[in-house]
Amino acid sequence: MPASRKRAAPATSGKRKASANASRKRSVATAKAVAHLREADPILRMLIDEIGPDGLGDTRRGLDPADHYGALVRSIVGQQLSGRAARAIYTRLTDRFGGRPPTPAEVLADDPQELRAAAGLSHAKVSFLRSLAEHVTDGSLELEGMNELPEEEVVAELVAVKGLGTWTAHMFLMFHLQRQDVLPVGDLGIRRAMMLRYELPELPKPAEMEQIAEPWRPYRTLACLYLWRSLAATPV
């Protein structure tokens, strides 16, 4: 076929290639992190051998990595609920808005009582969603710049919103922003896994957790994923 008549490669082909390249890069990065953790901590080495280096699954959980607001909405909805209950309520919420998370303007325009009843939310969670929407709308929470902020600043920005505590901020950093070096010292699952694996007499306090996790830097997030998986309790 003459060069002038060659067909351009389908756009989907380029997307598949980009996705494959990104997947390879993640695999290389994960292999490097796993090697570091195995060398740094013999207890983690045994845990990794039990679970396997590829046994953690997709930590994005199907969310759009660019939709910071949607991720926080889902976090608020899922607080203190089982995975199944959180998914059911989140689905009812998104169904009310055409299958997607509501925008800040839509949350503020909706009647709080009707929103609560339609989605099965508590009064507190409706107020948390409204607080998030207000902070985004008035510019006091600028989500667009979150990718560039250090972890400490992300936490400080988020906890200023009613209903977003340090634990939720840590989950946002780990699962949505994909930060590599986060240690959620307030997470009960991590505390329990540390107690069991490191044969501690009681649940560790934050200072003890920091001490145990120091050799894991800069891959504390991955270490925590292994600890959660050892309990089959990865947050959703």
C-alpha atoms as a PDB file:
ATOM      1  CA  MET A   1       0.000   0.000   0.000  1.00  0.00           C
ATOM      2  CA  PRO A   2       1.443   3.437  -0.879  1.00  0.00           C
ATOM      3  CA  ALA A   3       2.635   5.469   2.095  1.00  0.00           C
ATOM      4  CA  SER A   4       0.034   8.143   1.409  1.00  0.00           C
ATOM      5  CA  ARG A   5      -2.755   5.593   1.815  1.00  0.00           C
ATOM      6  CA  LYS A   6      -1.558   3.892   5.000  1.00  0.00           C
ATOM      7  CA  ARG A   7      -4.171   3.912   7.684  1.00  0.00           C
ATOM      8  CA  ALA A   8      -3.376   5.556  10.980  1.00  0.00           C
ATOM      9  CA  ALA A   9      -3.179   3.241  13.970  1.00  0.00           C
ATOM     10  CA  PRO A  10      -6.426   3.240  15.958  1.00  0.00           C
ATOM     11  CA  ALA A  11      -6.398   5.558  18.962  1.00  0.00           C
ATOM     12  CA  THR A  12      -7.263   2.608  21.189  1.00  0.00           C
ATOM     13  CA  SER A  13      -4.016   0.931  20.147  1.00  0.00           C
ATOM     14  CA  GLY A  14      -2.038   3.879  21.489  1.00  0.00           C
ATOM     15  CA  LYS A  15      -3.993   3.806  24.734  1.00  0.00           C
ATOM     16  CA  ARG A  16      -3.332   0.092  25.170  1.00  0.00           C
ATOM     17  CA  LYS A  17       0.383   0.629  24.571  1.00  0.00           C
ATOM     18  CA  ALA A  18       0.496   3.486  27.100  1.00  0.00           C
ATOM     19  CA  SER A  19      -1.372   1.354  29.628  1.00  0.00           C
ATOM     20  CA  ALA A  20       1.015  -1.552  29.075  1.00  0.00           C
ATOM     21  CA  ASN A  21       4.034   0.739  29.512  1.00  0.00           C
ATOM     22  CA  ALA A  22       2.585   2.154  32.736  1.00  0.00           C
ATOM     23  CA  SER A  23       1.914  -1.380  33.994  1.00  0.00           C
ATOM     24  CA  ARG A  24       5.509  -2.416  33.268  1.00  0.00           C
ATOM     25  CA  LYS A  25       6.835   0.632  35.113  1.00  0.00           C
ATOM     26  CA  ARG A  26       4.657  -0.170  38.130  1.00  0.00           C
ATOM     27  CA  SER A  27       5.876  -3.757  38.088  1.00  0.00           C
ATOM     28  CA  VAL A  28       9.511  -2.644  38.047  1.00  0.00           C
ATOM     29  CA  ALA A  29       8.877  -0.148  40.858  1.00  0.00           C
ATOM     30  CA  THR A  30       7.043  -2.766  42.922  1.00  0.00           C
ATOM     31  CA  ALA A  31       9.841  -5.289  42.427  1.00  0.00           C
ATOM     32  CA  LYS A  32      12.352  -2.721  43.664  1.00  0.00           C
ATOM     33  CA  ALA A  33      10.213  -1.957  46.714  1.00  0.00           C
ATOM     34  CA  VAL A  34       9.681  -5.642  47.507  1.00  0.00           C
ATOM     35  CA  ALA A  35      13.431  -6.276  47.289  1.00  0.00           C
ATOM     36  CA  HIS A  36      14.067  -3.393  49.702  1.00  0.00           C
ATOM     37  CA  LEU A  37      11.498  -4.646  52.223  1.00  0.00           C
ATOM     38  CA  ARG A  38      12.801  -8.212  52.072  1.00  0.00           C
ATOM     39  CA  GLU A  39      16.326  -6.985  52.759  1.00  0.00           C
ATOM     40  CA  ALA A  40      15.314  -4.494  55.461  1.00  0.00           C
ATOM     41  CA  ASP A  41      13.069  -6.659  57.644  1.00  0.00           C
ATOM     42  CA  PRO A  42      13.191 -10.458  58.108  1.00  0.00           C
ATOM     43  CA  ILE A  43       9.615 -10.543  59.377  1.00  0.00           C
ATOM     44  CA  LEU A  44       8.367  -8.791  56.252  1.00  0.00           C
ATOM     45  CA  ARG A  45      10.494 -11.167  54.181  1.00  0.00           C
ATOM     46  CA  MET A  46       8.556 -14.119  55.621  1.00  0.00           C
ATOM     47  CA  LEU A  47       5.252 -12.307  55.086  1.00  0.00           C
ATOM     48  CA  ILE A  48       6.079 -11.506  51.456  1.00  0.00           C
ATOM     49  CA  ASP A  49       7.020 -15.139  50.890  1.00  0.00           C
ATOM     50  CA  GLU A  50       3.639 -16.205  52.281  1.00  0.00           C
ATOM     51  CA  ILE A  51       1.569 -13.794  50.188  1.00  0.00           C
ATOM     52  CA  GLY A  52       3.768 -13.540  47.107  1.00  0.00           C
ATOM     53  CA  PRO A  53       5.146 -10.413  45.423  1.00  0.00           C
ATOM     54  CA  ASP A  54       2.144 -10.124  43.082  1.00  0.00           C
ATOM     55  CA  GLY A  55      -0.625 -10.905  45.528  1.00  0.00           C
ATOM     56  CA  LEU A  56      -1.787  -7.412  46.431  1.00  0.00           C
ATOM     57  CA  GLY A  57      -4.113  -6.617  43.529  1.00  0.00           C
ATOM     58  CA  ASP A  58      -5.148  -3.197  42.221  1.00  0.00           C
ATOM     59  CA  THR A  59      -4.829  -0.555  44.927  1.00  0.00           C
ATOM     60  CA  ARG A  60      -6.606   2.061  42.772  1.00  0.00           C
ATOM     61  CA  ARG A  61      -9.890   0.182  43.353  1.00  0.00           C
ATOM     62  CA  GLY A  62     -11.234   1.280  39.969  1.00  0.00           C
ATOM     63  CA  LEU A  63     -11.326   4.980  40.835  1.00  0.00           C
ATOM     64  CA  ASP A  64     -10.327   7.772  38.483  1.00  0.00           C
ATOM     65  CA  PRO A  65      -6.893   8.919  39.750  1.00  0.00           C
ATOM     66  CA  ALA A  66      -7.685  12.488  38.653  1.00  0.00           C
ATOM     67  CA  ASP A  67     -10.980  12.678  40.564  1.00  0.00           C
ATOM     68  CA  HIS A  68      -9.785  13.716  44.014  1.00  0.00           C
ATOM     69  CA  TYR A  69     -13.211  15.033  45.006  1.00  0.00           C
ATOM     70  CA  GLY A  70     -14.972  11.804  44.044  1.00  0.00           C
ATOM     71  CA  ALA A  71     -12.448   9.776  46.042  1.00  0.00           C
ATOM     72  CA  LEU A  72     -13.135  11.870  49.148  1.00  0.00           C
ATOM     73  CA  VAL A  73     -16.884  11.526  48.685  1.00  0.00           C
ATOM     74  CA  ARG A  74     -16.461   7.772  48.571  1.00  0.00           C
ATOM     75  CA  SER A  75     -14.228   7.865  51.652  1.00  0.00           C
ATOM     76  CA  ILE A  76     -16.842   9.771  53.646  1.00  0.00           C
ATOM     77  CA  VAL A  77     -19.616   7.410  52.584  1.00  0.00           C
ATOM     78  CA  GLY A  78     -17.562   4.358  53.542  1.00  0.00           C
ATOM     79  CA  GLN A  79     -16.427   5.463  56.990  1.00  0.00           C
ATOM     80  CA  GLN A  80     -17.082   2.893  59.741  1.00  0.00           C
ATOM     81  CA  LEU A  81     -18.930   0.556  57.367  1.00  0.00           C
ATOM     82  CA  SER A  82     -18.172  -2.877  55.985  1.00  0.00           C
ATOM     83  CA  GLY A  83     -17.083  -3.010  52.363  1.00  0.00           C
ATOM     84  CA  ARG A  84     -20.438  -4.383  51.216  1.00  0.00           C
ATOM     85  CA  ALA A  85     -22.489  -1.759  53.066  1.00  0.00           C
ATOM     86  CA  ALA A  86     -20.230   1.057  51.854  1.00  0.00           C
ATOM     87  CA  ARG A  87     -20.558  -0.043  48.226  1.00  0.00           C
ATOM     88  CA  ALA A  88     -24.346  -0.304  48.492  1.00  0.00           C
ATOM     89  CA  ILE A  89     -24.754   3.191  49.935  1.00  0.00           C
ATOM     90  CA  TYR A  90     -22.231   4.694  47.518  1.00  0.00           C
ATOM     91  CA  THR A  91     -24.151   3.138  44.608  1.00  0.00           C
ATOM     92  CA  ARG A  92     -27.427   4.635  45.865  1.00  0.00           C
ATOM     93  CA  LEU A  93     -25.728   8.011  46.163  1.00  0.00           C
ATOM     94  CA  THR A  94     -24.309   7.948  42.637  1.00  0.00           C
ATOM     95  CA  ASP A  95     -27.595   6.617  41.215  1.00  0.00           C
ATOM     96  CA  ARG A  96     -29.236   9.803  42.482  1.00  0.00           C
ATOM     97  CA  PHE A  97     -26.839  11.793  40.284  1.00  0.00           C
ATOM     98  CA  GLY A  98     -26.848   9.804  37.081  1.00  0.00           C
ATOM     99  CA  GLY A  99     -24.302   7.171  38.072  1.00  0.00           C
ATOM    100  CA  ARG A 100     -21.524   9.514  39.185  1.00  0.00           C
ATOM    101  CA  PRO A 101     -20.474  11.280  42.383  1.00  0.00           C
ATOM    102  CA  PRO A 102     -22.349  14.540  42.950  1.00  0.00           C
ATOM    103  CA  THR A 103     -20.484  17.760  42.324  1.00  0.00           C
ATOM    104  CA  PRO A 104     -19.999  20.190  45.220  1.00  0.00           C
ATOM    105  CA  ALA A 105     -22.723  22.431  43.787  1.00  0.00           C
ATOM    106  CA  GLU A 106     -25.141  19.489  43.567  1.00  0.00           C
ATOM    107  CA  VAL A 107     -24.491  18.459  47.166  1.00  0.00           C
ATOM    108  CA  LEU A 108     -25.150  21.980  48.419  1.00  0.00           C
ATOM    109  CA  ALA A 109     -28.253  22.398  46.255  1.00  0.00           C
ATOM    110  CA  ASP A 110     -29.780  19.093  47.367  1.00  0.00           C
ATOM    111  CA  ASP A 111     -32.128  18.939  50.329  1.00  0.00           C
ATOM    112  CA  PRO A 112     -30.120  17.317  53.168  1.00  0.00           C
ATOM    113  CA  GLN A 113     -33.031  15.204  54.384  1.00  0.00           C
ATOM    114  CA  GLU A 114     -33.888  13.978  50.906  1.00  0.00           C
ATOM    115  CA  LEU A 115     -30.239  13.173  50.191  1.00  0.00           C
ATOM    116  CA  ARG A 116     -29.975  11.259  53.454  1.00  0.00           C
ATOM    117  CA  ALA A 117     -33.102   9.221  52.793  1.00  0.00           C
ATOM    118  CA  ALA A 118     -32.326   8.483  49.133  1.00  0.00           C
ATOM    119  CA  ALA A 119     -28.793   7.225  49.736  1.00  0.00           C
ATOM    120  CA  GLY A 120     -29.213   5.745  53.203  1.00  0.00           C
ATOM    121  CA  LEU A 121     -26.667   8.123  54.709  1.00  0.00           C
ATOM    122  CA  SER A 122     -26.515   9.159  58.340  1.00  0.00           C
ATOM    123  CA  HIS A 123     -27.167  12.757  59.372  1.00  0.00           C
ATOM    124  CA  ALA A 124     -23.474  13.080  60.217  1.00  0.00           C
ATOM    125  CA  LYS A 125     -22.289  11.901  56.805  1.00  0.00           C
ATOM    126  CA  VAL A 126     -24.594  14.295  55.005  1.00  0.00           C
ATOM    127  CA  SER A 127     -23.070  17.111  57.054  1.00  0.00           C
ATOM    128  CA  PHE A 128     -19.580  15.814  56.205  1.00  0.00           C
ATOM    129  CA  LEU A 129     -20.398  15.792  52.477  1.00  0.00           C
ATOM    130  CA  ARG A 130     -21.730  19.324  52.742  1.00  0.00           C
ATOM    131  CA  SER A 131     -18.608  20.460  54.619  1.00  0.00           C
ATOM    132  CA  LEU A 132     -16.412  18.971  51.879  1.00  0.00           C
ATOM    133  CA  ALA A 133     -18.505  20.677  49.203  1.00  0.00           C
ATOM    134  CA  GLU A 134     -18.312  24.017  51.021  1.00  0.00           C
ATOM    135  CA  HIS A 135     -14.516  23.824  51.389  1.00  0.00           C
ATOM    136  CA  VAL A 136     -14.097  23.026  47.702  1.00  0.00           C
ATOM    137  CA  THR A 137     -16.576  25.689  46.600  1.00  0.00           C
ATOM    138  CA  ASP A 138     -15.061  28.514  48.656  1.00  0.00           C
ATOM    139  CA  GLY A 139     -11.525  27.553  47.644  1.00  0.00           C
ATOM    140  CA  SER A 140     -10.250  26.689  51.105  1.00  0.00           C
ATOM    141  CA  LEU A 141      -9.551  23.145  49.855  1.00  0.00           C
ATOM    142  CA  GLU A 142      -7.747  23.175  46.509  1.00  0.00           C
ATOM    143  CA  LEU A 143      -7.799  19.604  45.301  1.00  0.00           C
ATOM    144  CA  GLU A 144      -6.104  20.305  41.972  1.00  0.00           C
ATOM    145  CA  GLY A 145      -2.743  20.857  43.663  1.00  0.00           C
ATOM    146  CA  MET A 146      -2.848  17.791  45.917  1.00  0.00           C
ATOM    147  CA  ASN A 147      -0.508  15.751  43.725  1.00  0.00           C
ATOM    148  CA  GLU A 148       2.337  18.208  44.333  1.00  0.00           C
ATOM    149  CA  LEU A 149       1.888  18.667  48.088  1.00  0.00           C
ATOM    150  CA  PRO A 150       4.004  16.824  50.670  1.00  0.00           C
ATOM    151  CA  GLU A 151       2.141  14.229  52.734  1.00  0.00           C
ATOM    152  CA  GLU A 152       2.016  16.418  55.840  1.00  0.00           C
ATOM    153  CA  GLU A 153       0.362  19.255  53.937  1.00  0.00           C
ATOM    154  CA  VAL A 154      -2.192  16.943  52.331  1.00  0.00           C
ATOM    155  CA  VAL A 155      -3.185  15.703  55.790  1.00  0.00           C
ATOM    156  CA  ALA A 156      -3.409  19.249  57.162  1.00  0.00           C
ATOM    157  CA  GLU A 157      -5.603  20.359  54.238  1.00  0.00           C
ATOM    158  CA  LEU A 158      -7.981  17.421  54.535  1.00  0.00           C
ATOM    159  CA  VAL A 159      -8.466  17.339  58.299  1.00  0.00           C
ATOM    160  CA  ALA A 160      -9.723  20.924  58.148  1.00  0.00           C
ATOM    161  CA  VAL A 161     -12.881  19.480  56.572  1.00  0.00           C
ATOM    162  CA  LYS A 162     -15.523  18.244  59.004  1.00  0.00           C
ATOM    163  CA  GLY A 163     -15.552  14.448  58.961  1.00  0.00           C
ATOM    164  CA  LEU A 164     -12.130  13.979  57.351  1.00  0.00           C
ATOM    165  CA  GLY A 165      -9.764  12.760  60.043  1.00  0.00           C
ATOM    166  CA  THR A 166      -6.154  11.671  59.916  1.00  0.00           C
ATOM    167  CA  TRP A 167      -7.071   8.062  59.096  1.00  0.00           C
ATOM    168  CA  THR A 168      -9.115   9.128  56.064  1.00  0.00           C
ATOM    169  CA  ALA A 169      -6.290  11.416  54.948  1.00  0.00           C
ATOM    170  CA  HIS A 170      -3.823   8.534  55.181  1.00  0.00           C
ATOM    171  CA  MET A 171      -6.115   6.284  53.130  1.00  0.00           C
ATOM    172  CA  PHE A 172      -6.441   9.040  50.526  1.00  0.00           C
ATOM    173  CA  LEU A 173      -2.659   9.337  50.336  1.00  0.00           C
ATOM    174  CA  MET A 174      -2.112   5.604  50.058  1.00  0.00           C
ATOM    175  CA  PHE A 175      -4.902   4.449  47.797  1.00  0.00           C
ATOM    176  CA  HIS A 176      -5.781   7.504  45.728  1.00  0.00           C
ATOM    177  CA  LEU A 177      -2.601   9.565  45.463  1.00  0.00           C
ATOM    178  CA  GLN A 178      -0.516   6.362  45.519  1.00  0.00           C
ATOM    179  CA  ARG A 179       2.114   7.794  47.862  1.00  0.00           C
ATOM    180  CA  GLN A 180       4.807   5.224  48.597  1.00  0.00           C
ATOM    181  CA  ASP A 181       5.830   6.097  52.145  1.00  0.00           C
ATOM    182  CA  VAL A 182       2.720   6.407  54.319  1.00  0.00           C
ATOM    183  CA  LEU A 183       2.301   4.775  57.728  1.00  0.00           C
ATOM    184  CA  PRO A 184      -1.288   5.033  59.052  1.00  0.00           C
ATOM    185  CA  VAL A 185      -0.528   4.844  62.757  1.00  0.00           C
ATOM    186  CA  GLY A 186      -4.214   5.120  63.675  1.00  0.00           C
ATOM    187  CA  ASP A 187      -5.321   2.106  61.660  1.00  0.00           C
ATOM    188  CA  LEU A 188      -6.476  -0.784  63.848  1.00  0.00           C
ATOM    189  CA  GLY A 189      -5.656  -3.377  61.194  1.00  0.00           C
ATOM    190  CA  ILE A 190      -2.030  -2.281  60.913  1.00  0.00           C
ATOM    191  CA  ARG A 191      -1.696  -2.155  64.700  1.00  0.00           C
ATOM    192  CA  ARG A 192      -3.152  -5.650  65.061  1.00  0.00           C
ATOM    193  CA  ALA A 193      -0.994  -7.091  62.257  1.00  0.00           C
ATOM    194  CA  MET A 194       2.117  -5.568  63.841  1.00  0.00           C
ATOM    195  CA  MET A 195       1.183  -7.008  67.229  1.00  0.00           C
ATOM    196  CA  LEU A 196       0.743 -10.487  65.764  1.00  0.00           C
ATOM    197  CA  ARG A 197       3.691 -10.536  63.383  1.00  0.00           C
ATOM    198  CA  TYR A 198       6.170  -8.862  65.713  1.00  0.00           C
ATOM    199  CA  GLU A 199       4.904 -10.784  68.755  1.00  0.00           C
ATOM    200  CA  LEU A 200       4.127  -7.682  70.781  1.00  0.00           C
ATOM    201  CA  PRO A 201       2.299  -7.972  74.131  1.00  0.00           C
ATOM    202  CA  GLU A 202      -0.305  -5.394  73.119  1.00  0.00           C
ATOM    203  CA  LEU A 203      -1.373  -3.179  70.241  1.00  0.00           C
ATOM    204  CA  PRO A 204       1.542  -0.838  69.462  1.00  0.00           C
ATOM    205  CA  LYS A 205       1.315   2.910  70.029  1.00  0.00           C
ATOM    206  CA  PRO A 206       2.266   5.327  67.220  1.00  0.00           C
ATOM    207  CA  ALA A 207       5.851   5.802  68.459  1.00  0.00           C
ATOM    208  CA  GLU A 208       6.451   2.043  68.517  1.00  0.00           C
ATOM    209  CA  MET A 209       4.898   1.684  65.062  1.00  0.00           C
ATOM    210  CA  GLU A 210       7.196   4.389  63.715  1.00  0.00           C
ATOM    211  CA  GLN A 211      10.182   2.590  65.190  1.00  0.00           C
ATOM    212  CA  ILE A 212       9.216  -0.770  63.685  1.00  0.00           C
ATOM    213  CA  ALA A 213       8.511   0.806  60.304  1.00  0.00           C
ATOM    214  CA  GLU A 214      11.660   2.934  60.089  1.00  0.00           C
ATOM    215  CA  PRO A 215      13.628   0.311  58.084  1.00  0.00           C
ATOM    216  CA  TRP A 216      10.776   0.133  55.558  1.00  0.00           C
ATOM    217  CA  ARG A 217      11.346   3.684  54.286  1.00  0.00           C
ATOM    218  CA  PRO A 218      10.716   4.800  51.577  1.00  0.00           C
ATOM    219  CA  TYR A 219       8.200   1.980  50.980  1.00  0.00           C
ATOM    220  CA  ARG A 220       6.076   1.956  54.129  1.00  0.00           C
ATOM    221  CA  THR A 221       2.858   1.957  52.085  1.00  0.00           C
ATOM    222  CA  LEU A 222       3.707  -1.358  50.434  1.00  0.00           C
ATOM    223  CA  ALA A 223       4.693  -2.858  53.782  1.00  0.00           C
ATOM    224  CA  CYS A 224       1.293  -1.855  55.173  1.00  0.00           C
ATOM    225  CA  LEU A 225      -0.463  -3.455  52.215  1.00  0.00           C
ATOM    226  CA  TYR A 226       1.248  -6.729  53.086  1.00  0.00           C
ATOM    227  CA  LEU A 227       0.285  -6.361  56.742  1.00  0.00           C
ATOM    228  CA  TRP A 228      -3.350  -5.714  55.802  1.00  0.00           C
ATOM    229  CA  ARG A 229      -3.355  -8.648  53.432  1.00  0.00           C
ATOM    230  CA  SER A 230      -2.028 -10.865  56.208  1.00  0.00           C
ATOM    231  CA  LEU A 231      -5.304 -10.072  58.009  1.00  0.00           C
ATOM    232  CA  ALA A 232      -7.351 -10.073  54.792  1.00  0.00           C
ATOM    233  CA  ALA A 233      -8.448  -6.603  55.884  1.00  0.00           C
ATOM    234  CA  THR A 234      -7.286  -4.143  53.231  1.00  0.00           C
ATOM    235  CA  PRO A 235      -9.491  -0.998  53.521  1.00  0.00           C
ATOM    236  CA  VAL A 236     -12.121  -0.501  50.810  1.00  0.00           C
END
